Amino acid sequence: MERQIDEAEKQGNRRQAAGLETALAEARKSCTDTSLYQDMARGYRCIRIGSR
């Protein structure tokens, strides 16, 4: 998502960048270390997102 945000900003597509930033913030909020461990215990996969 971070690369997509960068690309959208480079292309001057502020609306798309803003939408991607919102999605990234929601993913970071809902995908915590605790939720990762809980999901692993249940057999789910959640992709850890690095900080920007």
PDB file of N, CA and C in Angstrom:
ATOM      1  N   MET A   1       0.813  -1.183   0.000  1.00  0.00           N
ATOM      2  CA  MET A   1       0.000   0.000   0.000  1.00  0.00           C
ATOM      3  C   MET A   1       0.864   1.257   0.000  1.00  0.00           C
ATOM      4  N   GLU A   2       1.980   1.190   0.721  1.00  0.00           N
ATOM      5  CA  GLU A   2       2.837   2.378   0.778  1.00  0.00           C
ATOM      6  C   GLU A   2       3.366   2.737  -0.606  1.00  0.00           C
ATOM      7  N   ARG A   3       3.721   1.736  -1.384  1.00  0.00           N
ATOM      8  CA  ARG A   3       4.197   2.012  -2.751  1.00  0.00           C
ATOM      9  C   ARG A   3       3.078   2.610  -3.597  1.00  0.00           C
ATOM     10  N   GLN A   4       1.870   2.098  -3.401  1.00  0.00           N
ATOM     11  CA  GLN A   4       0.737   2.638  -4.151  1.00  0.00           C
ATOM     12  C   GLN A   4       0.470   4.085  -3.766  1.00  0.00           C
ATOM     13  N   ILE A   5       0.618   4.407  -2.500  1.00  0.00           N
ATOM     14  CA  ILE A   5       0.449   5.795  -2.046  1.00  0.00           C
ATOM     15  C   ILE A   5       1.491   6.680  -2.709  1.00  0.00           C
ATOM     16  N   ASP A   6       2.730   6.231  -2.688  1.00  0.00           N
ATOM     17  CA  ASP A   6       3.810   7.010  -3.311  1.00  0.00           C
ATOM     18  C   ASP A   6       3.544   7.234  -4.793  1.00  0.00           C
ATOM     19  N   GLU A   7       3.106   6.184  -5.482  1.00  0.00           N
ATOM     20  CA  GLU A   7       2.824   6.302  -6.917  1.00  0.00           C
ATOM     21  C   GLU A   7       1.672   7.270  -7.176  1.00  0.00           C
ATOM     22  N   ALA A   8       0.627   7.163  -6.380  1.00  0.00           N
ATOM     23  CA  ALA A   8      -0.513   8.062  -6.548  1.00  0.00           C
ATOM     24  C   ALA A   8      -0.091   9.511  -6.334  1.00  0.00           C
ATOM     25  N   GLU A   9       0.745   9.744  -5.317  1.00  0.00           N
ATOM     26  CA  GLU A   9       1.223  11.106  -5.053  1.00  0.00           C
ATOM     27  C   GLU A   9       2.105  11.611  -6.185  1.00  0.00           C
ATOM     28  N   LYS A  10       2.965  10.748  -6.708  1.00  0.00           N
ATOM     29  CA  LYS A  10       3.829  11.148  -7.832  1.00  0.00           C
ATOM     30  C   LYS A  10       3.008  11.523  -9.051  1.00  0.00           C
ATOM     31  N   GLN A  11       1.885  10.832  -9.232  1.00  0.00           N
ATOM     32  CA  GLN A  11       1.032  11.091 -10.389  1.00  0.00           C
ATOM     33  C   GLN A  11       0.027  12.206 -10.127  1.00  0.00           C
ATOM     34  N   GLY A  12       0.080  12.786  -8.934  1.00  0.00           N
ATOM     35  CA  GLY A  12      -0.811  13.883  -8.607  1.00  0.00           C
ATOM     36  C   GLY A  12      -2.235  13.448  -8.294  1.00  0.00           C
ATOM     37  N   ASN A  13      -2.420  12.160  -8.015  1.00  0.00           N
ATOM     38  CA  ASN A  13      -3.755  11.647  -7.724  1.00  0.00           C
ATOM     39  C   ASN A  13      -3.976  11.650  -6.222  1.00  0.00           C
ATOM     40  N   ARG A  14      -4.268  12.831  -5.694  1.00  0.00           N
ATOM     41  CA  ARG A  14      -4.403  13.025  -4.245  1.00  0.00           C
ATOM     42  C   ARG A  14      -5.585  12.249  -3.662  1.00  0.00           C
ATOM     43  N   ARG A  15      -6.662  12.145  -4.413  1.00  0.00           N
ATOM     44  CA  ARG A  15      -7.841  11.422  -3.922  1.00  0.00           C
ATOM     45  C   ARG A  15      -7.516   9.936  -3.712  1.00  0.00           C
ATOM     46  N   GLN A  16      -6.834   9.339  -4.662  1.00  0.00           N
ATOM     47  CA  GLN A  16      -6.455   7.931  -4.528  1.00  0.00           C
ATOM     48  C   GLN A  16      -5.469   7.753  -3.371  1.00  0.00           C
ATOM     49  N   ALA A  17      -4.504   8.647  -3.262  1.00  0.00           N
ATOM     50  CA  ALA A  17      -3.528   8.575  -2.172  1.00  0.00           C
ATOM     51  C   ALA A  17      -4.230   8.678  -0.826  1.00  0.00           C
ATOM     52  N   ALA A  18      -5.196   9.570  -0.715  1.00  0.00           N
ATOM     53  CA  ALA A  18      -5.929   9.738   0.544  1.00  0.00           C
ATOM     54  C   ALA A  18      -6.702   8.470   0.892  1.00  0.00           C
ATOM     55  N   GLY A  19      -7.321   7.855  -0.089  1.00  0.00           N
ATOM     56  CA  GLY A  19      -8.052   6.620   0.151  1.00  0.00           C
ATOM     57  C   GLY A  19      -7.130   5.492   0.594  1.00  0.00           C
ATOM     58  N   LEU A  20      -5.970   5.407  -0.036  1.00  0.00           N
ATOM     59  CA  LEU A  20      -4.991   4.388   0.340  1.00  0.00           C
ATOM     60  C   LEU A  20      -4.434   4.646   1.737  1.00  0.00           C
ATOM     61  N   GLU A  21      -4.226   5.913   2.079  1.00  0.00           N
ATOM     62  CA  GLU A  21      -3.739   6.243   3.422  1.00  0.00           C
ATOM     63  C   GLU A  21      -4.763   5.846   4.480  1.00  0.00           C
ATOM     64  N   THR A  22      -6.037   6.046   4.186  1.00  0.00           N
ATOM     65  CA  THR A  22      -7.093   5.631   5.106  1.00  0.00           C
ATOM     66  C   THR A  22      -7.095   4.115   5.265  1.00  0.00           C
ATOM     67  N   ALA A  23      -6.982   3.399   4.164  1.00  0.00           N
ATOM     68  CA  ALA A  23      -6.955   1.934   4.213  1.00  0.00           C
ATOM     69  C   ALA A  23      -5.744   1.435   4.995  1.00  0.00           C
ATOM     70  N   LEU A  24      -4.608   2.064   4.806  1.00  0.00           N
ATOM     71  CA  LEU A  24      -3.400   1.671   5.521  1.00  0.00           C
ATOM     72  C   LEU A  24      -3.545   1.928   7.017  1.00  0.00           C
ATOM     73  N   ALA A  25      -4.119   3.059   7.377  1.00  0.00           N
ATOM     74  CA  ALA A  25      -4.328   3.369   8.794  1.00  0.00           C
ATOM     75  C   ALA A  25      -5.269   2.349   9.437  1.00  0.00           C
ATOM     76  N   GLU A  26      -6.319   1.969   8.737  1.00  0.00           N
ATOM     77  CA  GLU A  26      -7.257   0.971   9.262  1.00  0.00           C
ATOM     78  C   GLU A  26      -6.578  -0.393   9.396  1.00  0.00           C
ATOM     79  N   ALA A  27      -5.757  -0.743   8.433  1.00  0.00           N
ATOM     80  CA  ALA A  27      -5.044  -2.021   8.498  1.00  0.00           C
ATOM     81  C   ALA A  27      -4.083  -2.035   9.681  1.00  0.00           C
ATOM     82  N   ARG A  28      -3.385  -0.930   9.883  1.00  0.00           N
ATOM     83  CA  ARG A  28      -2.459  -0.851  11.020  1.00  0.00           C
ATOM     84  C   ARG A  28      -3.200  -0.924  12.350  1.00  0.00           C
ATOM     85  N   LYS A  29      -4.372  -0.288  12.405  1.00  0.00           N
ATOM     86  CA  LYS A  29      -5.145  -0.260  13.637  1.00  0.00           C
ATOM     87  C   LYS A  29      -5.686  -1.651  13.982  1.00  0.00           C
ATOM     88  N   SER A  30      -6.116  -2.387  12.980  1.00  0.00           N
ATOM     89  CA  SER A  30      -6.759  -3.670  13.240  1.00  0.00           C
ATOM     90  C   SER A  30      -5.786  -4.848  13.233  1.00  0.00           C
ATOM     91  N   CYS A  31      -4.608  -4.665  12.725  1.00  0.00           N
ATOM     92  CA  CYS A  31      -3.637  -5.760  12.615  1.00  0.00           C
ATOM     93  C   CYS A  31      -2.502  -5.514  13.609  1.00  0.00           C
ATOM     94  N   THR A  32      -2.771  -5.783  14.883  1.00  0.00           N
ATOM     95  CA  THR A  32      -1.790  -5.583  15.946  1.00  0.00           C
ATOM     96  C   THR A  32      -1.006  -6.863  16.198  1.00  0.00           C
ATOM     97  N   ASP A  33       0.051  -6.765  16.974  1.00  0.00           N
ATOM     98  CA  ASP A  33       0.806  -7.966  17.335  1.00  0.00           C
ATOM     99  C   ASP A  33      -0.101  -8.991  18.011  1.00  0.00           C
ATOM    100  N   THR A  34      -0.964  -8.517  18.899  1.00  0.00           N
ATOM    101  CA  THR A  34      -1.872  -9.420  19.600  1.00  0.00           C
ATOM    102  C   THR A  34      -2.802 -10.120  18.621  1.00  0.00           C
ATOM    103  N   SER A  35      -3.362  -9.355  17.689  1.00  0.00           N
ATOM    104  CA  SER A  35      -4.277  -9.975  16.730  1.00  0.00           C
ATOM    105  C   SER A  35      -3.537 -10.938  15.809  1.00  0.00           C
ATOM    106  N   LEU A  36      -2.275 -10.638  15.502  1.00  0.00           N
ATOM    107  CA  LEU A  36      -1.479 -11.560  14.688  1.00  0.00           C
ATOM    108  C   LEU A  36      -1.322 -12.902  15.384  1.00  0.00           C
ATOM    109  N   TYR A  37      -0.971 -12.867  16.671  1.00  0.00           N
ATOM    110  CA  TYR A  37      -0.797 -14.107  17.430  1.00  0.00           C
ATOM    111  C   TYR A  37      -2.108 -14.868  17.555  1.00  0.00           C
ATOM    112  N   GLN A  38      -3.192 -14.149  17.803  1.00  0.00           N
ATOM    113  CA  GLN A  38      -4.494 -14.802  17.918  1.00  0.00           C
ATOM    114  C   GLN A  38      -4.909 -15.439  16.592  1.00  0.00           C
ATOM    115  N   ASP A  39      -4.694 -14.722  15.506  1.00  0.00           N
ATOM    116  CA  ASP A  39      -5.042 -15.263  14.188  1.00  0.00           C
ATOM    117  C   ASP A  39      -4.178 -16.462  13.834  1.00  0.00           C
ATOM    118  N   MET A  40      -2.899 -16.409  14.185  1.00  0.00           N
ATOM    119  CA  MET A  40      -2.021 -17.555  13.916  1.00  0.00           C
ATOM    120  C   MET A  40      -2.507 -18.772  14.683  1.00  0.00           C
ATOM    121  N   ALA A  41      -2.952 -18.555  15.909  1.00  0.00           N
ATOM    122  CA  ALA A  41      -3.452 -19.659  16.724  1.00  0.00           C
ATOM    123  C   ALA A  41      -4.713 -20.263  16.096  1.00  0.00           C
ATOM    124  N   ARG A  42      -5.485 -19.428  15.406  1.00  0.00           N
ATOM    125  CA  ARG A  42      -6.710 -19.901  14.744  1.00  0.00           C
ATOM    126  C   ARG A  42      -6.435 -20.407  13.330  1.00  0.00           C
ATOM    127  N   GLY A  43      -5.213 -20.209  12.846  1.00  0.00           N
ATOM    128  CA  GLY A  43      -4.869 -20.645  11.496  1.00  0.00           C
ATOM    129  C   GLY A  43      -5.100 -19.595  10.428  1.00  0.00           C
ATOM    130  N   TYR A  44      -5.352 -18.343  10.838  1.00  0.00           N
ATOM    131  CA  TYR A  44      -5.528 -17.252   9.878  1.00  0.00           C
ATOM    132  C   TYR A  44      -4.188 -16.598   9.591  1.00  0.00           C
ATOM    133  N   ARG A  45      -4.156 -15.843   8.497  1.00  0.00           N
ATOM    134  CA  ARG A  45      -2.944 -15.097   8.161  1.00  0.00           C
ATOM    135  C   ARG A  45      -3.272 -13.618   8.053  1.00  0.00           C
ATOM    136  N   CYS A  46      -2.426 -12.801   8.633  1.00  0.00           N
ATOM    137  CA  CYS A  46      -2.547 -11.352   8.558  1.00  0.00           C
ATOM    138  C   CYS A  46      -1.167 -10.838   8.173  1.00  0.00           C
ATOM    139  N   ILE A  47      -1.089  -9.995   7.199  1.00  0.00           N
ATOM    140  CA  ILE A  47       0.204  -9.489   6.742  1.00  0.00           C
ATOM    141  C   ILE A  47       0.611  -8.315   7.618  1.00  0.00           C
ATOM    142  N   ARG A  48       1.777  -8.404   8.205  1.00  0.00           N
ATOM    143  CA  ARG A  48       2.271  -7.306   9.034  1.00  0.00           C
ATOM    144  C   ARG A  48       2.707  -6.168   8.129  1.00  0.00           C
ATOM    145  N   ILE A  49       2.292  -4.983   8.475  1.00  0.00           N
ATOM    146  CA  ILE A  49       2.586  -3.792   7.677  1.00  0.00           C
ATOM    147  C   ILE A  49       3.592  -2.957   8.435  1.00  0.00           C
ATOM    148  N   GLY A  50       4.709  -2.637   7.787  1.00  0.00           N
ATOM    149  CA  GLY A  50       5.732  -1.830   8.431  1.00  0.00           C
ATOM    150  C   GLY A  50       5.282  -0.406   8.643  1.00  0.00           C
ATOM    151  N   SER A  51       6.025   0.298   9.466  1.00  0.00           N
ATOM    152  CA  SER A  51       5.667   1.691   9.722  1.00  0.00           C
ATOM    153  C   SER A  51       6.135   2.551   8.573  1.00  0.00           C
ATOM    154  N   ARG A  52       5.454   3.625   8.367  1.00  0.00           N
ATOM    155  CA  ARG A  52       5.773   4.520   7.254  1.00  0.00           C
ATOM    156  C   ARG A  52       6.515   5.707   7.755  1.00  0.00           C
TER     157      ARG A  52
END
